[in-house]
Protein backbone atom coordinates (compact mmCIF):
# COMPACT_ATOMS: atom_id res chain seq x y z
CA MET A 1 95.00 241.18 50.81
CA GLY A 2 93.36 238.06 52.17
CA SER A 3 95.27 235.01 53.28
CA LEU A 4 95.39 231.86 51.20
CA THR A 5 92.86 229.26 52.24
CA GLU A 6 93.87 225.69 53.02
CA GLU A 7 92.26 224.47 49.78
CA GLN A 8 94.13 227.08 47.74
CA LEU A 9 97.43 226.04 49.31
CA LEU A 10 96.72 222.37 48.66
CA GLN A 11 95.79 223.14 45.05
CA MET A 12 99.09 224.98 44.61
CA VAL A 13 100.90 221.86 45.79
CA ARG A 14 98.88 219.56 43.53
CA ASP A 15 99.48 221.76 40.50
CA PHE A 16 103.20 221.85 41.19
CA ILE A 17 103.51 218.07 41.64
CA GLU A 18 101.49 217.42 38.46
CA SER A 19 103.59 219.83 36.41
CA GLU A 20 106.78 218.18 37.67
CA SER A 21 105.56 214.70 36.68
CA GLU A 22 104.23 215.73 33.28
CA SER A 23 107.35 217.32 31.88
CA GLU A 24 111.11 217.01 32.11
CA PRO A 25 113.18 220.13 32.78
CA LYS A 26 114.24 221.82 29.56
CA SER A 27 117.32 223.97 29.11
CA GLU A 28 116.72 227.55 28.03
CA SER A 29 117.88 228.82 24.66
CA LEU A 30 120.78 231.25 24.36
CA SER A 31 118.41 234.03 23.26
CA THR A 32 116.31 233.61 26.43
CA SER A 33 119.40 233.67 28.65
CA ASN A 34 120.58 236.85 26.96
CA ALA A 35 117.18 238.44 27.50
CA LEU A 36 117.32 237.60 31.21
CA SER A 37 120.79 239.14 31.46
CA GLN A 38 119.57 242.36 29.82
CA ASP A 39 116.73 242.60 32.37
CA HIS A 40 119.04 242.09 35.33
CA LYS A 41 120.82 245.45 35.57
CA PRO A 42 117.69 247.70 35.61
CA ARG A 43 116.10 245.32 38.11
CA CYS A 44 119.09 245.74 40.46
CA LEU A 45 118.91 249.51 40.14
CA THR A 46 115.18 249.48 40.88
CA LEU A 47 115.72 247.33 43.97
CA GLN A 48 118.41 249.71 45.17
CA GLU A 49 115.99 252.63 44.83
CA ILE A 50 113.30 250.77 46.77
CA LEU A 51 115.68 249.87 49.60
CA ARG A 52 117.14 253.38 49.80
CA ASP A 53 113.72 255.00 50.18
CA VAL A 54 113.65 255.04 53.98
CA THR A 55 111.44 257.28 56.12
CA ASP A 56 112.66 258.79 59.39
CA ILE A 57 110.51 256.40 61.41
CA GLU A 58 111.72 253.37 59.45
CA GLY A 59 115.31 254.47 59.97
CA ASP A 60 114.79 254.89 63.71
CA ILE A 61 113.13 251.48 64.08
CA LEU A 62 115.87 249.82 62.01
CA GLN A 63 118.62 251.42 64.08
CA LYS A 64 117.01 250.28 67.32
CA THR A 65 116.33 246.76 66.00
CA LEU A 66 119.96 246.32 64.91
CA LYS A 67 121.10 247.53 68.33
CA TYR A 68 118.84 245.06 70.12
CA ALA A 69 119.99 242.21 67.86
CA LYS A 70 123.65 242.90 68.64
CA SER A 71 122.93 242.65 72.36
CA VAL A 72 121.56 239.11 72.04
CA GLU A 73 123.74 236.01 72.33
CA SER A 74 124.51 234.38 68.97
CA THR A 75 122.98 231.13 70.26
CA GLU A 76 119.62 232.82 70.88
CA SER A 77 116.80 231.58 68.65
CA THR A 78 115.27 233.85 66.03
CA SER A 79 111.90 233.50 67.74
CA ASN A 80 113.30 234.78 71.04
CA LEU A 81 115.03 237.64 69.22
CA LYS A 82 111.71 238.74 67.71
CA ARG A 83 110.11 238.77 71.14
CA LEU A 84 112.98 240.80 72.54
CA VAL A 85 112.71 243.35 69.73
CA VAL A 86 108.96 243.73 70.36
CA MET A 87 109.56 244.22 74.08
CA LYS A 88 112.30 246.82 73.53
CA LEU A 89 110.33 248.74 70.92
CA LYS A 90 107.36 248.90 73.27
CA MET A 91 109.65 250.20 76.01
CA ASP A 92 110.73 252.91 73.54
CA GLY A 93 107.10 253.91 73.09
CA TYR A 94 106.31 252.14 69.84
CA GLU A 95 103.06 250.22 69.30
CA ALA A 96 104.85 246.96 68.42
CA SER A 97 103.39 243.46 68.16
CA LEU A 98 104.55 239.97 67.30
CA CYS A 99 102.40 238.66 64.45
CA LYS A 100 101.92 235.05 63.42
CA THR A 101 100.42 233.82 60.17
CA SER A 102 99.59 230.13 60.01
CA TRP A 103 97.68 227.47 58.13
CA VAL A 104 96.55 223.93 58.88
CA SER A 105 99.42 221.47 58.43
CA SER A 106 99.36 218.05 56.85
CA ALA A 107 102.05 215.43 56.34
CA ASP A 108 101.87 215.85 52.55
CA ARG A 109 102.16 219.59 52.73
CA LEU A 110 105.16 219.56 55.07
CA GLN A 111 107.04 217.57 52.42
CA VAL A 112 106.76 220.46 49.98
CA PHE A 113 106.66 223.48 52.32
CA PRO A 114 110.14 223.37 53.89
CA TYR A 115 109.48 226.33 56.18
CA GLY A 116 106.60 224.66 57.98
CA SER A 117 103.09 225.87 58.59
CA GLU A 118 103.49 229.24 60.29
CA TYR A 119 105.53 232.40 60.12
CA GLU A 120 106.33 235.12 62.66
CA TYR A 121 107.26 238.73 62.08
CA ILE A 122 106.90 242.06 63.88
CA ASP A 123 104.67 244.96 63.01
CA VAL A 124 104.75 248.49 64.37
CA MET A 125 101.77 250.82 64.08
CA THR A 126 102.82 254.46 63.77
CA ARG A 127 100.59 257.51 63.64
CA GLU A 128 101.12 260.94 62.18
CA MET A 129 101.02 263.99 64.41
CA ASN A 130 97.64 265.11 65.72
CA GLY A 131 96.05 261.68 65.48
CA GLY A 132 96.64 261.13 61.78
CA LYS A 133 96.17 257.90 59.85
CA ALA A 134 97.99 254.85 61.24
CA THR A 135 100.80 253.40 59.14
CA ARG A 136 101.90 249.78 59.47
CA ILE A 137 105.64 249.14 59.52
CA ILE A 138 106.81 245.55 59.08
CA VAL A 139 109.97 244.33 60.80
CA ASP A 140 111.57 241.00 59.93
CA VAL A 141 114.88 239.96 61.50
CA ASP A 142 115.39 237.04 59.10
CA PHE A 143 114.30 238.62 55.84
CA ARG A 144 116.92 237.77 53.22
CA SER A 145 116.80 234.01 53.83
CA GLN A 146 113.11 233.92 52.85
CA PHE A 147 114.06 234.64 49.23
CA GLU A 148 117.23 232.58 48.81
CA LEU A 149 117.35 229.70 46.34
CA ALA A 150 119.64 226.69 46.69
CA LYS A 151 120.64 226.70 43.01
CA ALA A 152 120.19 230.25 41.81
CA THR A 153 121.53 232.01 38.77
CA THR A 154 124.24 234.62 39.31
CA GLY A 155 121.76 237.37 38.55
CA TYR A 156 119.23 236.20 41.12
CA LYS A 157 121.92 235.75 43.79
CA GLU A 158 123.04 239.33 43.23
CA LEU A 159 119.48 240.46 43.92
CA THR A 160 119.13 238.43 47.14
CA ASP A 161 122.56 239.61 48.30
CA MET A 162 121.22 243.15 48.09
CA LEU A 163 118.37 242.36 50.47
CA PRO A 164 118.91 243.26 54.13
CA SER A 165 118.99 240.57 56.78
CA VAL A 166 116.79 242.86 58.88
CA PHE A 167 113.93 244.46 56.94
CA VAL A 168 112.01 247.49 58.15
CA GLY A 169 109.48 249.02 55.81
CA SER A 170 105.91 249.66 54.80
CA GLU A 171 103.52 247.15 53.27
CA ALA A 172 103.84 248.95 49.92
CA LYS A 173 107.62 248.66 49.96
CA LEU A 174 107.48 244.99 50.93
CA ASN A 175 104.95 244.26 48.19
CA LYS A 176 107.26 245.79 45.58
CA ILE A 177 110.16 243.62 46.79
CA ILE A 178 108.06 240.46 46.79
CA SER A 179 106.79 241.12 43.27
CA MET A 180 110.28 241.77 41.93
CA LEU A 181 112.05 238.89 43.70
CA CYS A 182 109.37 236.32 42.90
CA SER A 183 109.47 237.31 39.24
CA ALA A 184 113.26 237.01 39.26
CA ALA A 185 113.07 233.67 41.11
CA LYS A 186 110.74 232.32 38.43
CA GLU A 187 113.21 233.32 35.73
CA SER A 188 116.13 231.86 37.69
CA LEU A 189 114.40 228.52 38.20
CA LYS A 190 113.26 228.42 34.58
CA GLU A 191 116.78 229.13 33.34
CA LYS A 192 118.02 226.23 35.48
CA GLY A 193 115.33 223.97 34.01
CA HIS A 194 113.05 223.83 37.06
CA HIS A 195 109.38 224.59 37.65
CA ILE A 196 108.61 227.24 40.25
CA PRO A 197 107.27 225.64 43.46
CA PRO A 198 104.14 227.07 45.13
CA TRP A 199 106.07 228.54 48.06
CA ARG A 200 108.14 230.70 45.69
CA LYS A 201 105.12 232.37 44.08
CA ALA A 202 104.18 235.94 44.98
CA SER A 203 100.80 234.92 46.42
CA TYR A 204 102.42 232.57 48.91
CA MET A 205 105.17 235.03 49.89
CA GLN A 206 102.60 237.79 50.38
CA SER A 207 100.64 235.53 52.73
CA LYS A 208 103.62 235.52 55.13
CA TRP A 209 103.52 239.24 55.88
CA LEU A 210 100.49 240.80 54.20
CA SER A 211 97.63 238.54 55.22
CA GLU A 212 94.65 240.26 56.80
CA HIS A 213 94.21 237.19 59.00
CA CYS A 214 97.12 237.09 61.39
CA LYS A 215 97.30 236.56 65.12
CA LYS A 216 98.90 239.24 67.26
CA ILE A 217 100.72 237.84 70.26
CA SER A 218 100.77 240.05 73.35
CA ILE A 219 104.23 240.64 74.81
CA PRO A 220 104.57 242.89 77.89
CA ALA A 221 107.06 245.73 77.69
CA ASN A 222 108.76 244.64 80.92
CA LEU A 223 109.42 241.03 79.88
CA GLU A 224 112.83 239.75 81.01
């Protein structure tokens, strides 16, 4: 998928601000709350199935990433940890890169995008035997926090608690998680009487990891 343009991002912000000013939050009816509760259990089971579907390569990369993370001081920044993981994976023979997605910042936008104007994650390109098709594996060492809400319903919190802190998986798997969690976030915010902000929509979340326009940062395998 393509990345969101600056104008699209700004329009998302404008639409959100206008919707907030035009209407007051309304409490949901009991029937709506009951409907959300009925949808929660199958959604949890589906998320479990998605997370349990792990290939051998994904399992190996996850095991190595967790090992590298444990070897780092707790005071180390997340950015430095990502660079260390890339370096170690490259030393293990993986085609790993640090990827950065970004967009032009403005003072107005920083007021509504609390996570700033860029995002870093790791990708690993793997190939099947005999020069087969390359598969992109995404690694994020701070995954769960990207979906957490400050004032979430119990059902939504159960979903985010199921997410791993360290994610390793394919683009298809990540897309399924984004779609499910953003839908659940919308319901959670609505039940609490809030509009969904632009940065909680699926299109924005997808732009973090699935943008075709991302910068790969070169990190040597022997970096100390």
